[in-house]
Amino acid sequence: MLIYEGTKDNFLSSVEQDTIAVEIESNIYERMHRHTAKNEFRAWENSMEYMYKVLNDQDIPSDAGIAIEYNIPQTSKRVDFLISGYGNKEDANVVLIELKQWDELEAIPGRDGLVETYTGNAVRQVVHPSYQACANVNHFFTLLGKMFFTPYGKEFFTSLSKQIFTS
């Protein structure tokens, strides 16, 4: 199931008009018949502003595909943000992005792929988003195979990246 889909231009316009979080919320209600929590709504508002800054780049084609809150078929996995399009050789590509609003995180010695961060009102051990993105890439390969597109996984820490965009 796909909650939001559009082009880069559609996405940028929705963020500029401050409607992107409302569009996501409305689509979740229409397609999943559930209301969203206030903190989830705020997370979309914040994260989409950062993705706007990432995508507001002339080197990214205006017709690049944007998908938000994509549930990978036949799994319980969900991808926060996808960018799709074609490369210089007309090869199909997709970038899977996991968005996190963590202020800080620490590696856990001896626990490859786990970090400790404050989430869900407590400090918790959680899977590092890069591992989450790689797992999602593997699910895409399993489901669709390499012949359709080349997937790439990335993580993006909106809170940790604030200094990059404001300096």
Foldseek 3Di string as FASTA:
>chain_A
DFQDKFFQLVLLVCLVVVNPLVSSQVSCCVPVVDGDDPVVSVLCNLVSVVVSVVSVDVVQDRRWMKTAFAQQPPDRATFGIKTWDADPVRATEMETEAEAQFQDWADDPPDPQWIWTDDPNRTDIDGDQQVSQVVVQVSCCVVPNVPRHHYHYYYDHSNNCPVVVPD
